[in-house]
Amino acid sequence: MLSRAHNERIVGNDNCVFFQKMKLQIPPNAYRMHYVKARVRVHRYPDGGMAVFHGPRKLAEYTADGTLTGIEEDKKSAAGGAPPTGYMADPFSAPPY
């Protein structure tokens, strides 16, 4: 059973979860472009801030009023920056060894 600070939600078709009358948008990251219909956990911290998790991975952080404060490295990767470690640019190419 999750404590009162952790709440499970199902991500809606707009890639958002509703939590305490707020709509929290989940940004795309290096692992997935969207989390539609995924089961996530919303954590509420004592300072009022929030975070959304999918398994052990933190997807996003928010202020007490629901404003996205972001995870910069994931935003850069999703926007076309460096791919995550261990990622092969062409999955059909031969390994380098």
N, C-alpha and C. Protein backbone atom coordinates (compact mmCIF):
# COMPACT_ATOMS: atom_id res chain seq x y z
N MET A 1 0.84 -1.19 0.00
CA MET A 1 0.00 0.00 0.00
C MET A 1 0.88 1.24 0.00
N LEU A 2 0.58 2.18 -0.87
CA LEU A 2 1.35 3.40 -0.95
C LEU A 2 0.94 4.35 0.17
N SER A 3 1.92 5.12 0.66
CA SER A 3 1.60 6.09 1.70
C SER A 3 0.81 7.23 1.09
N ARG A 4 0.35 8.14 1.92
CA ARG A 4 -0.46 9.25 1.44
C ARG A 4 0.33 10.21 0.55
N ALA A 5 1.67 10.19 0.63
CA ALA A 5 2.49 11.08 -0.18
C ALA A 5 2.70 10.53 -1.59
N HIS A 6 2.35 9.26 -1.81
CA HIS A 6 2.52 8.64 -3.13
C HIS A 6 1.15 8.20 -3.62
N ASN A 7 0.82 8.59 -4.83
CA ASN A 7 -0.49 8.26 -5.39
C ASN A 7 -0.34 7.72 -6.79
N GLU A 8 -0.96 6.58 -7.06
CA GLU A 8 -0.92 6.01 -8.41
C GLU A 8 -1.95 6.69 -9.29
N ARG A 9 -1.56 6.89 -10.54
CA ARG A 9 -2.45 7.47 -11.54
C ARG A 9 -2.21 6.76 -12.87
N ILE A 10 -3.19 6.82 -13.76
CA ILE A 10 -3.05 6.33 -15.13
C ILE A 10 -2.95 7.57 -16.02
N VAL A 11 -1.95 7.60 -16.88
CA VAL A 11 -1.73 8.76 -17.75
C VAL A 11 -2.83 8.79 -18.81
N GLY A 12 -3.39 9.97 -19.02
CA GLY A 12 -4.46 10.15 -19.98
C GLY A 12 -3.96 10.24 -21.41
N ASN A 13 -4.89 10.33 -22.35
CA ASN A 13 -4.57 10.41 -23.78
C ASN A 13 -3.79 11.67 -24.15
N ASP A 14 -3.83 12.68 -23.28
CA ASP A 14 -3.10 13.92 -23.54
C ASP A 14 -1.73 13.93 -22.84
N ASN A 15 -1.29 12.76 -22.36
CA ASN A 15 0.00 12.59 -21.69
C ASN A 15 0.06 13.40 -20.39
N CYS A 16 -1.08 13.51 -19.71
CA CYS A 16 -1.19 14.24 -18.45
C CYS A 16 -1.80 13.35 -17.38
N VAL A 17 -1.51 13.68 -16.12
CA VAL A 17 -2.19 13.05 -15.01
C VAL A 17 -2.85 14.15 -14.19
N PHE A 18 -3.99 13.84 -13.59
CA PHE A 18 -4.65 14.78 -12.70
C PHE A 18 -4.29 14.42 -11.28
N PHE A 19 -3.91 15.45 -10.51
CA PHE A 19 -3.53 15.25 -9.12
C PHE A 19 -3.92 16.49 -8.32
N GLN A 20 -4.79 16.31 -7.34
CA GLN A 20 -5.26 17.39 -6.48
C GLN A 20 -5.68 18.63 -7.27
N LYS A 21 -6.58 18.43 -8.22
CA LYS A 21 -7.17 19.48 -9.06
C LYS A 21 -6.15 20.15 -9.99
N MET A 22 -5.00 19.50 -10.19
CA MET A 22 -4.01 20.03 -11.11
C MET A 22 -3.78 19.04 -12.24
N LYS A 23 -3.48 19.56 -13.41
CA LYS A 23 -3.17 18.73 -14.57
C LYS A 23 -1.66 18.80 -14.77
N LEU A 24 -0.98 17.66 -14.61
CA LEU A 24 0.48 17.60 -14.72
C LEU A 24 0.87 16.99 -16.06
N GLN A 25 1.47 17.79 -16.92
CA GLN A 25 1.92 17.34 -18.24
C GLN A 25 3.24 16.59 -18.09
N ILE A 26 3.34 15.40 -18.67
CA ILE A 26 4.58 14.62 -18.64
C ILE A 26 5.32 14.88 -19.95
N PRO A 27 6.52 15.45 -19.89
CA PRO A 27 7.25 15.74 -21.13
C PRO A 27 7.86 14.48 -21.73
N PRO A 28 8.10 14.47 -23.04
CA PRO A 28 8.79 13.32 -23.64
C PRO A 28 10.22 13.28 -23.12
N ASN A 29 10.81 12.09 -23.11
CA ASN A 29 12.19 11.96 -22.66
C ASN A 29 12.93 10.99 -23.57
N ALA A 30 14.14 10.66 -23.21
CA ALA A 30 14.99 9.80 -24.04
C ALA A 30 14.49 8.36 -24.11
N TYR A 31 13.61 7.98 -23.20
CA TYR A 31 13.15 6.60 -23.12
C TYR A 31 11.83 6.36 -23.83
N ARG A 32 10.92 7.35 -23.74
CA ARG A 32 9.61 7.22 -24.38
C ARG A 32 9.12 8.58 -24.82
N MET A 33 8.43 8.62 -25.92
CA MET A 33 7.85 9.88 -26.40
C MET A 33 6.58 10.23 -25.63
N HIS A 34 5.87 9.22 -25.15
CA HIS A 34 4.66 9.47 -24.36
C HIS A 34 4.46 8.33 -23.37
N TYR A 35 3.60 8.60 -22.39
CA TYR A 35 3.28 7.62 -21.36
C TYR A 35 1.78 7.36 -21.30
N VAL A 36 1.08 7.54 -22.40
CA VAL A 36 -0.36 7.35 -22.46
C VAL A 36 -0.72 5.96 -21.95
N LYS A 37 -1.65 5.92 -21.02
CA LYS A 37 -2.18 4.71 -20.39
C LYS A 37 -1.17 3.98 -19.49
N ALA A 38 -0.02 4.59 -19.24
CA ALA A 38 0.96 3.98 -18.33
C ALA A 38 0.54 4.27 -16.88
N ARG A 39 0.89 3.36 -16.00
CA ARG A 39 0.64 3.54 -14.58
C ARG A 39 1.85 4.26 -13.99
N VAL A 40 1.62 5.43 -13.37
CA VAL A 40 2.70 6.22 -12.80
C VAL A 40 2.37 6.53 -11.33
N ARG A 41 3.39 7.00 -10.61
CA ARG A 41 3.21 7.44 -9.22
C ARG A 41 3.49 8.93 -9.14
N VAL A 42 2.62 9.64 -8.44
CA VAL A 42 2.84 11.06 -8.18
C VAL A 42 3.27 11.16 -6.72
N HIS A 43 4.44 11.75 -6.50
CA HIS A 43 4.96 11.96 -5.15
C HIS A 43 4.74 13.42 -4.77
N ARG A 44 4.23 13.64 -3.57
CA ARG A 44 4.04 15.00 -3.04
C ARG A 44 5.05 15.17 -1.93
N TYR A 45 5.88 16.20 -2.00
CA TYR A 45 6.93 16.44 -1.02
C TYR A 45 6.46 17.43 0.04
N PRO A 46 7.10 17.43 1.22
CA PRO A 46 6.67 18.33 2.30
C PRO A 46 6.67 19.81 1.92
N ASP A 47 7.54 20.22 1.00
CA ASP A 47 7.57 21.63 0.58
C ASP A 47 6.47 21.96 -0.43
N GLY A 48 5.66 20.96 -0.80
CA GLY A 48 4.57 21.17 -1.75
C GLY A 48 4.90 20.76 -3.16
N GLY A 49 6.19 20.59 -3.46
CA GLY A 49 6.60 20.17 -4.79
C GLY A 49 6.14 18.76 -5.09
N MET A 50 6.15 18.40 -6.36
CA MET A 50 5.68 17.08 -6.78
C MET A 50 6.64 16.51 -7.81
N ALA A 51 6.57 15.20 -7.99
CA ALA A 51 7.33 14.52 -9.04
C ALA A 51 6.50 13.34 -9.52
N VAL A 52 6.67 12.99 -10.80
CA VAL A 52 5.98 11.85 -11.39
C VAL A 52 7.03 10.80 -11.71
N PHE A 53 6.77 9.55 -11.30
CA PHE A 53 7.68 8.44 -11.51
C PHE A 53 7.02 7.34 -12.32
N HIS A 54 7.79 6.70 -13.17
CA HIS A 54 7.36 5.50 -13.88
C HIS A 54 8.38 4.44 -13.49
N GLY A 55 7.97 3.50 -12.63
CA GLY A 55 8.93 2.56 -12.06
C GLY A 55 9.93 3.35 -11.24
N PRO A 56 11.22 3.06 -11.37
CA PRO A 56 12.22 3.79 -10.59
C PRO A 56 12.63 5.13 -11.23
N ARG A 57 12.14 5.43 -12.43
CA ARG A 57 12.59 6.60 -13.18
C ARG A 57 11.71 7.81 -12.91
N LYS A 58 12.36 8.92 -12.54
CA LYS A 58 11.63 10.17 -12.35
C LYS A 58 11.41 10.80 -13.72
N LEU A 59 10.15 11.04 -14.05
CA LEU A 59 9.81 11.60 -15.36
C LEU A 59 9.82 13.12 -15.37
N ALA A 60 9.36 13.73 -14.28
CA ALA A 60 9.28 15.19 -14.23
C ALA A 60 9.12 15.65 -12.80
N GLU A 61 9.49 16.91 -12.57
CA GLU A 61 9.30 17.57 -11.28
C GLU A 61 8.43 18.79 -11.49
N TYR A 62 7.65 19.14 -10.46
CA TYR A 62 6.72 20.26 -10.54
C TYR A 62 6.78 21.07 -9.26
N THR A 63 6.47 22.36 -9.37
CA THR A 63 6.34 23.20 -8.19
C THR A 63 5.01 22.91 -7.51
N ALA A 64 4.77 23.55 -6.38
CA ALA A 64 3.53 23.33 -5.64
C ALA A 64 2.29 23.72 -6.43
N ASP A 65 2.43 24.66 -7.39
CA ASP A 65 1.27 25.06 -8.19
C ASP A 65 1.13 24.26 -9.48
N GLY A 66 1.99 23.24 -9.69
CA GLY A 66 1.88 22.37 -10.85
C GLY A 66 2.72 22.78 -12.04
N THR A 67 3.59 23.78 -11.89
CA THR A 67 4.46 24.22 -12.97
C THR A 67 5.62 23.24 -13.14
N LEU A 68 5.86 22.82 -14.35
CA LEU A 68 6.94 21.89 -14.65
C LEU A 68 8.28 22.56 -14.38
N THR A 69 9.13 21.91 -13.55
CA THR A 69 10.46 22.46 -13.30
C THR A 69 11.51 21.68 -14.06
N GLY A 70 11.15 20.49 -14.53
CA GLY A 70 11.94 19.78 -15.52
C GLY A 70 13.12 18.97 -15.05
N ILE A 71 13.51 18.08 -15.93
CA ILE A 71 14.70 17.28 -15.81
C ILE A 71 15.47 17.57 -17.09
N GLU A 72 16.45 18.43 -17.00
CA GLU A 72 17.11 18.99 -18.18
C GLU A 72 17.74 17.95 -19.09
N GLU A 73 18.43 16.94 -18.54
CA GLU A 73 19.12 15.98 -19.39
C GLU A 73 18.15 15.18 -20.24
N ASP A 74 16.97 14.85 -19.70
CA ASP A 74 15.98 14.12 -20.48
C ASP A 74 15.37 15.01 -21.56
N LYS A 75 15.14 16.28 -21.26
CA LYS A 75 14.57 17.19 -22.25
C LYS A 75 15.54 17.35 -23.42
N LYS A 76 16.84 17.49 -23.13
CA LYS A 76 17.82 17.66 -24.18
C LYS A 76 17.88 16.42 -25.07
N SER A 77 17.85 15.24 -24.47
CA SER A 77 17.90 14.01 -25.26
C SER A 77 16.66 13.86 -26.12
N ALA A 78 15.50 14.19 -25.59
CA ALA A 78 14.26 14.04 -26.34
C ALA A 78 14.19 15.07 -27.47
N ALA A 79 14.87 16.19 -27.30
CA ALA A 79 14.84 17.24 -28.31
C ALA A 79 15.90 17.04 -29.39
N GLY A 80 16.59 15.93 -29.37
CA GLY A 80 17.56 15.65 -30.41
C GLY A 80 19.00 15.79 -29.95
N GLY A 81 19.22 15.91 -28.65
CA GLY A 81 20.58 15.99 -28.12
C GLY A 81 21.24 14.63 -28.15
N ALA A 82 22.20 14.45 -27.30
CA ALA A 82 22.94 13.18 -27.25
C ALA A 82 22.03 12.04 -26.81
N PRO A 83 22.10 10.88 -27.47
CA PRO A 83 21.28 9.74 -27.06
C PRO A 83 21.77 9.18 -25.73
N PRO A 84 20.93 8.42 -25.02
CA PRO A 84 21.36 7.85 -23.75
C PRO A 84 22.51 6.86 -23.96
N THR A 85 23.28 6.67 -22.91
CA THR A 85 24.43 5.77 -22.97
C THR A 85 23.98 4.36 -23.36
N GLY A 86 24.76 3.72 -24.23
CA GLY A 86 24.43 2.36 -24.65
C GLY A 86 23.45 2.29 -25.80
N TYR A 87 23.08 3.42 -26.33
CA TYR A 87 22.10 3.48 -27.42
C TYR A 87 22.83 3.42 -28.75
N MET A 88 22.39 2.53 -29.64
CA MET A 88 22.98 2.46 -30.98
C MET A 88 22.13 3.29 -31.92
N ALA A 89 22.75 4.20 -32.65
CA ALA A 89 22.02 5.08 -33.55
C ALA A 89 21.28 4.29 -34.62
N ASP A 90 21.91 3.25 -35.18
CA ASP A 90 21.28 2.41 -36.19
C ASP A 90 21.18 1.00 -35.63
N PRO A 91 19.98 0.56 -35.22
CA PRO A 91 19.86 -0.75 -34.60
C PRO A 91 20.18 -1.92 -35.52
N PHE A 92 20.27 -1.65 -36.85
CA PHE A 92 20.55 -2.72 -37.80
C PHE A 92 22.03 -2.78 -38.21
N SER A 93 22.81 -1.85 -37.70
CA SER A 93 24.23 -1.86 -38.04
C SER A 93 24.97 -2.90 -37.19
N ALA A 94 26.08 -3.33 -37.69
CA ALA A 94 26.90 -4.32 -36.97
C ALA A 94 27.57 -3.67 -35.77
N PRO A 95 27.74 -4.40 -34.68
CA PRO A 95 28.45 -3.84 -33.52
C PRO A 95 29.90 -3.52 -33.90
N PRO A 96 30.53 -2.59 -33.19
CA PRO A 96 31.87 -2.12 -33.56
C PRO A 96 32.98 -3.11 -33.26
N TYR A 97 32.73 -4.27 -32.77
CA TYR A 97 33.80 -5.23 -32.45
C TYR A 97 33.89 -6.35 -33.46
